[in-house]
Amino acid sequence: MNRSHYGKLGGPGHTFLAREIERYCETVSLEVTQEYLVFSENKYFGSIDVFVSDGSKHVAIEVEFGPDRVFRDLEKARIAMVNQLIILVPNNTVKKKVQRKLARHNSLNLYPAHFVLSLSQCIQQLTASLSTCKKKEEVKEFRDGSMRT
């Protein structure tokens, strides 16, 4: 696999992580939308990679392979009025880079709660924060692979 393409928007790594979250959400009966369009006052701000809802709470999940777009992700989450933003990263190196960039932002309190997480941490966070997603046995089955098609 071409390493330079692995993390690009729509590349295989990006698509894999987004699809895994989508599969998990469907497993536990959460509403999920990929490429959720974000508008404010007729201005297009881009799309949220994965938008998850249980009907009362909304979570934006952005797949990132570097820190360059995290401030834009925060802004999209604020405009979309989500309860949480999860920045889904592939490994600890990227996680640390994103966290360092976020630490330099001086007004993070204006934005929704945000987390920089790996795939398994993201699934745990969704399970903990969304009300219809309290089926711990399904989470374990999903992780073990017994629910995979």
Protein backbone atom coordinates (compact mmCIF):
# COMPACT_ATOMS: atom_id res chain seq x y z
CA MET A 1 0.00 0.00 0.00
CA ASN A 2 1.28 3.45 -0.89
CA ARG A 3 2.04 5.00 2.50
CA SER A 4 1.54 8.58 1.30
CA HIS A 5 -2.03 7.78 0.20
CA TYR A 6 -2.92 5.78 3.32
CA GLY A 7 -4.08 8.73 5.37
CA LYS A 8 -5.43 11.03 2.69
CA LEU A 9 -9.08 12.01 2.74
CA GLY A 10 -11.00 9.12 1.28
CA GLY A 11 -7.90 6.91 1.24
CA PRO A 12 -8.03 3.31 2.40
CA GLY A 13 -7.13 4.10 6.03
CA HIS A 14 -9.69 6.87 6.29
CA THR A 15 -12.40 4.72 4.70
CA PHE A 16 -11.58 1.69 6.88
CA LEU A 17 -11.87 3.62 10.17
CA ALA A 18 -15.08 5.37 9.11
CA ARG A 19 -16.65 2.07 8.01
CA GLU A 20 -15.71 0.32 11.27
CA ILE A 21 -17.49 3.03 13.25
CA GLU A 22 -20.49 2.82 10.93
CA ARG A 23 -20.67 -0.97 11.34
CA TYR A 24 -20.48 -0.71 15.10
CA CYS A 25 -23.23 1.94 15.23
CA GLU A 26 -25.52 -0.17 13.09
CA THR A 27 -24.84 -3.14 15.39
CA VAL A 28 -26.11 -1.23 18.43
CA SER A 29 -28.96 0.51 16.56
CA LEU A 30 -27.59 4.05 16.46
CA GLU A 31 -28.37 6.46 13.63
CA VAL A 32 -25.25 7.00 11.56
CA THR A 33 -24.53 9.25 8.58
CA GLN A 34 -21.26 9.38 6.68
CA GLU A 35 -20.17 12.70 5.19
CA TYR A 36 -22.74 14.78 7.11
CA LEU A 37 -22.86 18.22 5.41
CA VAL A 38 -22.36 21.26 7.64
CA PHE A 39 -23.91 24.61 6.68
CA SER A 40 -24.28 27.90 8.52
CA GLU A 41 -26.16 30.85 7.05
CA ASN A 42 -26.02 29.24 3.58
CA LYS A 43 -22.24 28.84 3.79
CA TYR A 44 -20.82 25.32 3.35
CA PHE A 45 -18.21 24.38 5.95
CA GLY A 46 -17.44 20.88 4.74
CA SER A 47 -18.64 17.55 6.01
CA ILE A 48 -18.28 15.57 9.19
CA ASP A 49 -16.83 12.14 8.43
CA VAL A 50 -19.30 10.22 10.63
CA PHE A 51 -22.30 11.73 12.42
CA VAL A 52 -23.83 9.49 15.11
CA SER A 53 -27.06 10.07 17.01
CA ASP A 54 -29.25 8.25 19.49
CA GLY A 55 -32.09 10.72 18.95
CA SER A 56 -31.21 13.04 21.82
CA LYS A 57 -27.42 13.28 21.68
CA HIS A 58 -25.23 13.83 18.63
CA VAL A 59 -21.57 12.91 18.16
CA ALA A 60 -19.32 14.03 15.32
CA ILE A 61 -16.43 11.73 14.47
CA GLU A 62 -13.59 13.05 12.34
CA VAL A 63 -10.92 10.65 11.09
CA GLU A 64 -7.54 12.39 11.08
CA PHE A 65 -4.06 11.19 10.18
CA GLY A 66 -2.36 14.40 11.30
CA PRO A 67 -2.99 17.60 13.26
CA ASP A 68 -3.49 19.99 10.33
CA ARG A 69 -7.30 19.99 10.19
CA VAL A 70 -8.27 19.73 13.87
CA PHE A 71 -9.26 23.39 14.30
CA ARG A 72 -11.54 23.10 11.27
CA ASP A 73 -13.00 19.93 12.82
CA LEU A 74 -13.74 21.85 16.03
CA GLU A 75 -15.47 24.58 14.06
CA LYS A 76 -17.60 22.11 12.09
CA ALA A 77 -18.64 20.39 15.33
CA ARG A 78 -19.61 23.74 16.87
CA ILE A 79 -21.68 24.75 13.84
CA ALA A 80 -23.37 21.32 13.71
CA MET A 81 -24.24 21.73 17.42
CA VAL A 82 -23.08 18.26 18.43
CA ASN A 83 -22.64 17.18 22.04
CA GLN A 84 -19.21 15.64 21.42
CA LEU A 85 -16.47 15.61 18.84
CA ILE A 86 -14.30 12.52 18.57
CA ILE A 87 -11.12 12.88 16.56
CA LEU A 88 -10.38 9.32 15.53
CA VAL A 89 -6.66 8.68 15.01
CA PRO A 90 -4.80 5.55 13.83
CA ASN A 91 -2.02 5.48 16.44
CA ASN A 92 -0.44 7.14 19.50
CA THR A 93 2.02 9.21 17.46
CA VAL A 94 -0.80 10.99 15.64
CA LYS A 95 -2.77 11.20 18.89
CA LYS A 96 0.08 13.07 20.60
CA LYS A 97 0.51 15.47 17.66
CA VAL A 98 -3.21 16.29 17.62
CA GLN A 99 -3.29 16.76 21.40
CA ARG A 100 -0.29 19.12 21.22
CA LYS A 101 -2.00 21.21 18.55
CA LEU A 102 -5.24 21.35 20.55
CA ALA A 103 -3.30 22.40 23.66
CA ARG A 104 -2.19 25.55 21.80
CA HIS A 105 -5.79 26.65 21.21
CA ASN A 106 -6.75 29.28 23.77
CA SER A 107 -10.56 29.03 23.71
CA LEU A 108 -11.44 25.34 23.60
CA ASN A 109 -14.27 25.94 26.07
CA LEU A 110 -16.30 27.47 23.20
CA TYR A 111 -16.46 24.10 21.46
CA PRO A 112 -18.23 20.81 22.20
CA ALA A 113 -16.53 18.24 24.41
CA HIS A 114 -13.78 16.71 22.31
CA PHE A 115 -11.67 13.59 22.53
CA VAL A 116 -8.70 12.28 20.56
CA LEU A 117 -9.14 8.50 20.48
CA SER A 118 -8.15 5.26 18.78
CA LEU A 119 -10.81 3.04 17.20
CA SER A 120 -11.37 0.89 20.30
CA GLN A 121 -11.45 3.96 22.56
CA CYS A 122 -13.94 5.58 20.20
CA ILE A 123 -16.27 2.59 20.47
CA GLN A 124 -16.00 2.71 24.28
CA GLN A 125 -16.75 6.45 24.30
CA LEU A 126 -19.82 5.99 22.08
CA THR A 127 -21.03 3.18 24.34
CA ALA A 128 -20.60 5.31 27.45
CA SER A 129 -22.14 8.50 26.09
CA LEU A 130 -25.14 7.46 23.99
CA SER A 131 -28.19 6.15 25.80
CA THR A 132 -29.34 3.47 23.36
CA CYS A 133 -25.84 2.06 23.22
CA LYS A 134 -25.62 0.47 26.68
CA LYS A 135 -25.41 -3.11 25.48
CA LYS A 136 -22.00 -4.11 26.79
CA GLU A 137 -22.31 -7.70 25.56
CA GLU A 138 -22.77 -6.40 22.00
CA VAL A 139 -19.64 -4.25 22.35
CA LYS A 140 -17.67 -7.30 23.48
CA GLU A 141 -19.08 -9.40 20.63
CA PHE A 142 -18.23 -6.66 18.14
CA ARG A 143 -14.64 -6.44 19.42
CA ASP A 144 -14.25 -10.22 19.43
CA GLY A 145 -15.36 -10.34 15.83
CA SER A 146 -18.35 -12.61 16.33
CA MET A 147 -20.73 -9.94 14.96
CA ARG A 148 -18.69 -9.24 11.85
CA THR A 149 -20.26 -10.20 8.56
